[in-house]
N, C-alpha and C. Protein backbone atom coordinates (compact mmCIF):
# COMPACT_ATOMS: atom_id res chain seq x y z
N UNK A 1 -9.45 -13.47 9.72
CA UNK A 1 -8.94 -14.78 9.39
C UNK A 1 -8.81 -15.64 10.64
N UNK A 2 -8.97 -15.07 11.80
CA UNK A 2 -8.78 -15.86 13.02
C UNK A 2 -7.36 -15.74 13.49
N UNK A 3 -6.76 -16.88 13.85
CA UNK A 3 -5.40 -16.87 14.39
C UNK A 3 -4.41 -16.36 13.34
N UNK A 4 -3.49 -15.56 13.83
CA UNK A 4 -2.45 -15.01 12.97
C UNK A 4 -1.50 -16.12 12.54
N UNK A 5 -1.11 -16.11 11.28
CA UNK A 5 -0.15 -17.10 10.80
C UNK A 5 1.12 -16.37 10.40
N UNK A 6 2.22 -16.74 11.03
CA UNK A 6 3.51 -16.13 10.75
C UNK A 6 4.49 -17.22 10.37
N UNK A 7 5.20 -16.99 9.27
CA UNK A 7 6.23 -17.91 8.81
C UNK A 7 7.59 -17.32 9.13
N UNK A 8 8.49 -18.13 9.66
CA UNK A 8 9.90 -17.73 9.77
C UNK A 8 10.57 -18.28 8.54
N UNK A 9 11.30 -17.43 7.85
CA UNK A 9 11.97 -17.89 6.64
C UNK A 9 13.39 -17.37 6.54
N UNK A 10 14.16 -18.00 5.69
CA UNK A 10 15.52 -17.59 5.42
C UNK A 10 15.59 -17.23 3.94
N UNK A 11 16.06 -16.01 3.65
CA UNK A 11 16.16 -15.56 2.27
C UNK A 11 17.09 -16.50 1.51
N UNK A 12 16.62 -16.96 0.36
CA UNK A 12 17.38 -17.92 -0.45
C UNK A 12 17.47 -17.43 -1.90
N UNK A 13 18.53 -17.80 -2.55
CA UNK A 13 18.69 -17.46 -3.97
C UNK A 13 17.67 -18.26 -4.76
N UNK A 14 17.03 -17.59 -5.71
CA UNK A 14 16.02 -18.25 -6.52
C UNK A 14 16.61 -18.83 -7.79
N UNK A 15 15.72 -19.35 -8.60
CA UNK A 15 16.12 -19.96 -9.87
C UNK A 15 16.19 -18.92 -10.98
N UNK A 16 15.75 -17.70 -10.69
CA UNK A 16 15.73 -16.65 -11.70
C UNK A 16 14.49 -16.67 -12.57
N UNK A 17 13.58 -17.59 -12.29
CA UNK A 17 12.39 -17.72 -13.12
C UNK A 17 11.27 -16.76 -12.70
N UNK A 18 11.27 -16.37 -11.43
CA UNK A 18 10.20 -15.50 -10.92
C UNK A 18 10.08 -14.22 -11.70
N UNK A 19 11.21 -13.59 -12.00
CA UNK A 19 11.19 -12.31 -12.73
C UNK A 19 10.55 -12.49 -14.10
N UNK A 20 10.88 -13.57 -14.79
CA UNK A 20 10.32 -13.83 -16.12
C UNK A 20 8.80 -13.95 -16.04
N UNK A 21 8.32 -14.76 -15.11
CA UNK A 21 6.87 -14.99 -15.03
C UNK A 21 6.12 -13.78 -14.51
N UNK A 22 6.62 -13.16 -13.45
CA UNK A 22 5.91 -12.02 -12.86
C UNK A 22 5.83 -10.85 -13.85
N UNK A 23 6.81 -10.73 -14.76
CA UNK A 23 6.77 -9.62 -15.73
C UNK A 23 5.84 -9.86 -16.91
N UNK A 24 5.33 -11.07 -17.07
CA UNK A 24 4.45 -11.34 -18.20
C UNK A 24 3.15 -10.53 -18.05
N UNK A 25 2.72 -9.87 -19.14
CA UNK A 25 1.52 -9.02 -19.06
C UNK A 25 0.29 -9.71 -18.47
N UNK A 26 0.06 -10.98 -18.82
CA UNK A 26 -1.12 -11.69 -18.29
C UNK A 26 -1.05 -11.76 -16.76
N UNK A 27 0.10 -12.18 -16.23
CA UNK A 27 0.23 -12.30 -14.77
C UNK A 27 0.18 -10.92 -14.11
N UNK A 28 0.81 -9.91 -14.72
CA UNK A 28 0.77 -8.55 -14.16
C UNK A 28 -0.68 -8.08 -14.01
N UNK A 29 -1.48 -8.31 -15.07
CA UNK A 29 -2.88 -7.89 -15.05
C UNK A 29 -3.66 -8.63 -13.97
N UNK A 30 -3.46 -9.95 -13.87
CA UNK A 30 -4.15 -10.75 -12.86
C UNK A 30 -3.77 -10.30 -11.44
N UNK A 31 -2.49 -10.05 -11.22
CA UNK A 31 -2.01 -9.62 -9.90
C UNK A 31 -2.61 -8.27 -9.55
N UNK A 32 -2.59 -7.35 -10.50
CA UNK A 32 -3.15 -6.01 -10.26
C UNK A 32 -4.64 -6.11 -9.92
N UNK A 33 -5.38 -6.92 -10.70
CA UNK A 33 -6.83 -7.05 -10.51
C UNK A 33 -7.17 -7.76 -9.21
N UNK A 34 -6.46 -8.86 -8.91
CA UNK A 34 -6.87 -9.71 -7.79
C UNK A 34 -6.15 -9.40 -6.48
N UNK A 35 -4.93 -8.85 -6.56
CA UNK A 35 -4.18 -8.56 -5.33
C UNK A 35 -4.07 -7.06 -5.05
N UNK A 36 -4.36 -6.24 -6.06
CA UNK A 36 -4.43 -4.80 -5.85
C UNK A 36 -3.10 -4.06 -5.88
N UNK A 37 -2.07 -4.65 -6.48
CA UNK A 37 -0.81 -3.91 -6.63
C UNK A 37 -0.08 -4.33 -7.88
N UNK A 38 0.83 -3.47 -8.31
CA UNK A 38 1.70 -3.73 -9.45
C UNK A 38 2.92 -4.45 -8.90
N UNK A 39 3.12 -5.69 -9.29
CA UNK A 39 4.20 -6.50 -8.71
C UNK A 39 5.55 -6.14 -9.32
N UNK A 40 6.56 -5.99 -8.45
CA UNK A 40 7.93 -5.85 -8.92
C UNK A 40 8.26 -7.13 -9.69
N UNK A 41 8.96 -7.03 -10.82
CA UNK A 41 9.24 -8.24 -11.62
C UNK A 41 10.30 -9.14 -11.00
N UNK A 42 9.88 -9.92 -10.04
CA UNK A 42 10.76 -10.86 -9.36
C UNK A 42 10.10 -11.32 -8.08
N UNK A 43 10.64 -12.35 -7.49
CA UNK A 43 10.09 -12.86 -6.23
C UNK A 43 11.20 -12.92 -5.19
N UNK A 44 10.81 -12.81 -3.93
CA UNK A 44 11.73 -13.03 -2.82
C UNK A 44 11.51 -14.47 -2.39
N UNK A 45 12.55 -15.28 -2.45
CA UNK A 45 12.46 -16.69 -2.08
C UNK A 45 12.83 -16.87 -0.62
N UNK A 46 11.98 -17.57 0.10
CA UNK A 46 12.20 -17.81 1.53
C UNK A 46 12.13 -19.30 1.81
N UNK A 47 13.22 -19.82 2.34
CA UNK A 47 13.26 -21.23 2.73
C UNK A 47 12.50 -21.35 4.05
N UNK A 48 11.50 -22.21 4.06
CA UNK A 48 10.67 -22.43 5.25
C UNK A 48 10.55 -23.94 5.45
N UNK A 49 10.03 -24.34 6.59
CA UNK A 49 9.82 -25.77 6.83
C UNK A 49 8.62 -26.29 6.05
N UNK A 50 8.62 -27.58 5.82
CA UNK A 50 7.50 -28.20 5.09
C UNK A 50 6.18 -28.00 5.83
N UNK A 51 6.23 -27.94 7.18
CA UNK A 51 4.99 -27.75 7.93
C UNK A 51 4.36 -26.39 7.60
N UNK A 52 5.19 -25.37 7.32
CA UNK A 52 4.64 -24.07 6.92
C UNK A 52 3.98 -24.17 5.55
N UNK A 53 4.61 -24.90 4.64
CA UNK A 53 4.02 -25.08 3.32
C UNK A 53 2.67 -25.79 3.45
N UNK A 54 2.60 -26.77 4.34
CA UNK A 54 1.34 -27.51 4.53
C UNK A 54 0.24 -26.64 5.12
N UNK A 55 0.60 -25.65 5.94
CA UNK A 55 -0.40 -24.74 6.52
C UNK A 55 -1.20 -24.04 5.42
N UNK A 56 -0.54 -23.70 4.33
CA UNK A 56 -1.22 -22.99 3.25
C UNK A 56 -2.35 -23.83 2.65
N UNK A 57 -2.21 -25.14 2.71
CA UNK A 57 -3.24 -26.02 2.13
C UNK A 57 -4.58 -25.87 2.83
N UNK A 58 -4.57 -25.36 4.06
CA UNK A 58 -5.81 -25.19 4.83
C UNK A 58 -6.46 -23.83 4.61
N UNK A 59 -5.83 -22.98 3.79
CA UNK A 59 -6.36 -21.63 3.57
C UNK A 59 -6.98 -21.54 2.18
N UNK A 60 -7.89 -20.59 2.03
CA UNK A 60 -8.52 -20.37 0.73
C UNK A 60 -7.65 -19.37 -0.04
N UNK A 61 -7.11 -19.80 -1.18
CA UNK A 61 -6.22 -18.91 -1.93
C UNK A 61 -6.97 -17.94 -2.84
N UNK A 62 -6.27 -16.90 -3.25
CA UNK A 62 -6.72 -16.04 -4.34
C UNK A 62 -6.06 -16.65 -5.57
N UNK A 63 -6.85 -17.08 -6.54
CA UNK A 63 -6.30 -17.79 -7.70
C UNK A 63 -5.90 -16.83 -8.82
N UNK A 64 -4.70 -17.03 -9.31
CA UNK A 64 -4.22 -16.34 -10.51
C UNK A 64 -4.36 -17.37 -11.63
N UNK A 65 -5.06 -16.99 -12.68
CA UNK A 65 -5.34 -17.93 -13.76
C UNK A 65 -4.15 -18.12 -14.69
N UNK A 66 -4.00 -19.33 -15.18
CA UNK A 66 -3.00 -19.62 -16.19
C UNK A 66 -3.51 -19.18 -17.55
N UNK A 67 -2.70 -19.39 -18.59
CA UNK A 67 -3.09 -19.01 -19.94
C UNK A 67 -2.24 -19.75 -20.96
N UNK A 68 -2.63 -19.63 -22.22
CA UNK A 68 -1.86 -20.23 -23.32
C UNK A 68 -1.31 -19.12 -24.19
N UNK A 69 -0.09 -19.32 -24.67
CA UNK A 69 0.54 -18.36 -25.57
C UNK A 69 1.44 -19.14 -26.51
N UNK A 70 1.22 -18.97 -27.82
CA UNK A 70 2.04 -19.66 -28.83
C UNK A 70 2.16 -21.16 -28.56
N UNK A 71 1.04 -21.82 -28.35
CA UNK A 71 1.01 -23.27 -28.09
C UNK A 71 1.73 -23.69 -26.82
N UNK A 72 2.01 -22.76 -25.93
CA UNK A 72 2.63 -23.10 -24.65
C UNK A 72 1.65 -22.76 -23.54
N UNK A 73 1.52 -23.64 -22.57
CA UNK A 73 0.61 -23.40 -21.45
C UNK A 73 1.41 -22.87 -20.26
N UNK A 74 0.92 -21.78 -19.69
CA UNK A 74 1.52 -21.19 -18.49
C UNK A 74 0.54 -21.42 -17.35
N UNK A 75 1.00 -22.05 -16.29
CA UNK A 75 0.12 -22.43 -15.19
C UNK A 75 -0.33 -21.25 -14.35
N UNK A 76 -1.32 -21.52 -13.54
CA UNK A 76 -1.83 -20.52 -12.61
C UNK A 76 -1.03 -20.55 -11.30
N UNK A 77 -1.57 -19.86 -10.30
CA UNK A 77 -0.91 -19.81 -9.00
C UNK A 77 -1.95 -19.55 -7.92
N UNK A 78 -1.60 -19.93 -6.70
CA UNK A 78 -2.41 -19.62 -5.53
C UNK A 78 -1.69 -18.53 -4.76
N UNK A 79 -2.44 -17.49 -4.37
CA UNK A 79 -1.84 -16.37 -3.65
C UNK A 79 -2.50 -16.19 -2.29
N UNK A 80 -1.71 -15.69 -1.37
CA UNK A 80 -2.17 -15.45 0.00
C UNK A 80 -1.63 -14.10 0.41
N UNK A 81 -2.53 -13.14 0.67
CA UNK A 81 -2.08 -11.80 1.05
C UNK A 81 -1.22 -11.90 2.30
N UNK A 82 -0.14 -11.14 2.29
CA UNK A 82 0.83 -11.23 3.37
C UNK A 82 1.62 -9.93 3.46
N UNK A 83 2.41 -9.82 4.52
CA UNK A 83 3.32 -8.69 4.60
C UNK A 83 4.61 -9.11 5.28
N UNK A 84 5.66 -8.41 4.91
CA UNK A 84 6.97 -8.56 5.53
C UNK A 84 7.33 -7.18 6.04
N UNK A 85 7.58 -7.10 7.35
CA UNK A 85 7.78 -5.80 8.02
C UNK A 85 6.58 -4.94 7.68
N UNK A 86 6.78 -3.79 7.03
CA UNK A 86 5.64 -2.91 6.73
C UNK A 86 5.26 -2.94 5.25
N UNK A 87 5.73 -3.96 4.52
CA UNK A 87 5.47 -4.02 3.09
C UNK A 87 4.41 -5.08 2.79
N UNK A 88 3.28 -4.62 2.24
CA UNK A 88 2.21 -5.54 1.86
C UNK A 88 2.52 -6.17 0.51
N UNK A 89 2.22 -7.44 0.41
CA UNK A 89 2.44 -8.18 -0.83
C UNK A 89 1.65 -9.47 -0.78
N UNK A 90 2.22 -10.53 -1.31
CA UNK A 90 1.52 -11.80 -1.34
C UNK A 90 2.51 -12.95 -1.45
N UNK A 91 2.19 -14.01 -0.73
CA UNK A 91 2.88 -15.28 -0.96
C UNK A 91 2.25 -15.83 -2.23
N UNK A 92 3.07 -16.28 -3.16
CA UNK A 92 2.56 -16.83 -4.41
C UNK A 92 3.12 -18.24 -4.59
N UNK A 93 2.22 -19.20 -4.80
CA UNK A 93 2.62 -20.60 -4.98
C UNK A 93 2.17 -21.03 -6.37
N UNK A 94 3.12 -21.08 -7.33
CA UNK A 94 2.75 -21.50 -8.67
C UNK A 94 2.19 -22.92 -8.67
N UNK A 95 1.20 -23.16 -9.55
CA UNK A 95 0.65 -24.51 -9.67
C UNK A 95 1.74 -25.49 -10.10
N UNK A 96 2.65 -25.03 -10.92
CA UNK A 96 3.78 -25.84 -11.37
C UNK A 96 5.04 -25.24 -10.76
N UNK A 97 5.63 -25.93 -9.80
CA UNK A 97 6.81 -25.39 -9.14
C UNK A 97 7.79 -26.49 -8.81
N UNK A 98 9.07 -26.12 -8.76
CA UNK A 98 10.10 -27.07 -8.37
C UNK A 98 10.36 -26.98 -6.86
N UNK A 99 9.82 -25.92 -6.23
CA UNK A 99 10.07 -25.69 -4.81
C UNK A 99 9.26 -26.62 -3.92
N UNK A 100 9.92 -27.20 -2.93
CA UNK A 100 9.23 -28.05 -1.95
C UNK A 100 9.14 -27.34 -0.59
N UNK A 101 10.15 -26.56 -0.26
CA UNK A 101 10.18 -25.90 1.05
C UNK A 101 10.58 -24.43 0.91
N UNK A 102 10.21 -23.83 -0.23
CA UNK A 102 10.51 -22.42 -0.47
C UNK A 102 9.22 -21.70 -0.81
N UNK A 103 8.97 -20.60 -0.08
CA UNK A 103 7.84 -19.73 -0.38
C UNK A 103 8.36 -18.60 -1.26
N UNK A 104 7.53 -18.16 -2.19
CA UNK A 104 7.89 -17.00 -3.00
C UNK A 104 6.97 -15.86 -2.58
N UNK A 105 7.55 -14.67 -2.45
CA UNK A 105 6.81 -13.48 -2.01
C UNK A 105 6.92 -12.43 -3.11
N UNK A 106 5.77 -11.87 -3.51
CA UNK A 106 5.78 -10.77 -4.47
C UNK A 106 5.29 -9.52 -3.78
N UNK A 107 5.77 -8.37 -4.24
CA UNK A 107 5.41 -7.09 -3.64
C UNK A 107 5.61 -6.00 -4.70
N UNK A 108 5.17 -4.78 -4.39
CA UNK A 108 5.34 -3.70 -5.36
C UNK A 108 6.78 -3.18 -5.44
N UNK A 109 7.65 -3.65 -4.57
CA UNK A 109 9.03 -3.16 -4.51
C UNK A 109 10.01 -4.33 -4.54
N UNK A 110 11.28 -4.03 -4.83
CA UNK A 110 12.34 -5.04 -4.78
C UNK A 110 12.66 -5.25 -3.30
N UNK A 111 12.23 -6.38 -2.76
CA UNK A 111 12.29 -6.64 -1.32
C UNK A 111 13.72 -6.63 -0.77
N UNK A 112 14.65 -7.25 -1.48
CA UNK A 112 16.03 -7.33 -0.96
C UNK A 112 16.63 -5.94 -0.75
N UNK A 113 16.45 -5.04 -1.73
CA UNK A 113 17.04 -3.71 -1.56
C UNK A 113 16.23 -2.87 -0.59
N UNK A 114 14.91 -3.00 -0.62
CA UNK A 114 14.04 -2.21 0.27
C UNK A 114 14.32 -2.49 1.75
N UNK A 115 14.55 -3.77 2.08
CA UNK A 115 14.77 -4.17 3.48
C UNK A 115 16.23 -4.53 3.76
N UNK A 116 17.10 -4.28 2.80
CA UNK A 116 18.53 -4.57 2.96
C UNK A 116 18.76 -6.04 3.34
N UNK A 117 18.16 -6.93 2.56
CA UNK A 117 18.26 -8.37 2.82
C UNK A 117 19.33 -9.00 1.94
N UNK A 118 19.93 -10.03 2.46
CA UNK A 118 20.91 -10.81 1.71
C UNK A 118 20.52 -12.28 1.81
N UNK A 119 21.04 -13.12 0.92
CA UNK A 119 20.80 -14.55 1.05
C UNK A 119 21.27 -14.97 2.43
N UNK A 120 20.42 -15.72 3.14
CA UNK A 120 20.74 -16.14 4.50
C UNK A 120 20.09 -15.27 5.58
N UNK A 121 19.56 -14.08 5.19
CA UNK A 121 18.87 -13.23 6.17
C UNK A 121 17.63 -13.94 6.68
N UNK A 122 17.34 -13.78 7.98
CA UNK A 122 16.13 -14.34 8.58
C UNK A 122 15.04 -13.27 8.53
N UNK A 123 13.82 -13.71 8.23
CA UNK A 123 12.71 -12.76 8.09
C UNK A 123 11.41 -13.44 8.48
N UNK A 124 10.43 -12.64 8.87
CA UNK A 124 9.10 -13.17 9.21
C UNK A 124 8.10 -12.69 8.14
N UNK A 125 7.24 -13.61 7.74
CA UNK A 125 6.15 -13.30 6.81
C UNK A 125 4.85 -13.49 7.57
N UNK A 126 4.02 -12.47 7.56
CA UNK A 126 2.75 -12.53 8.26
C UNK A 126 1.63 -12.58 7.24
N UNK A 127 0.81 -13.63 7.27
CA UNK A 127 -0.35 -13.68 6.38
C UNK A 127 -1.39 -12.71 6.91
N UNK A 128 -2.01 -11.95 6.00
CA UNK A 128 -2.95 -10.89 6.43
C UNK A 128 -4.36 -11.18 5.95
């Protein structure tokens, strides 16, 4: 990928929506197929600067496709393989999001308990 991209982030409380979406069978299948892991049903929210969010716009994402279910449309997402400490996962940016300066990270494990993180903890995310 060239130059290493590292984000400094602060663990933040989420809206509780990540668990709902990540657990949906369609998204689980897409994540497994395109990112190569079974995602824990939830996201780790990291408050980052807007300049970090803008950096992602210059990268080529792995696209997770949206779908329709019972006359409701569920949007897709852009993913970027990443790791926190020694845990491989992905930054996931939903096409429809309320977040302006928050990155969401998905992984095969519950990140907060695995790394003993609390809201306010400082952490580095390395794009891989």
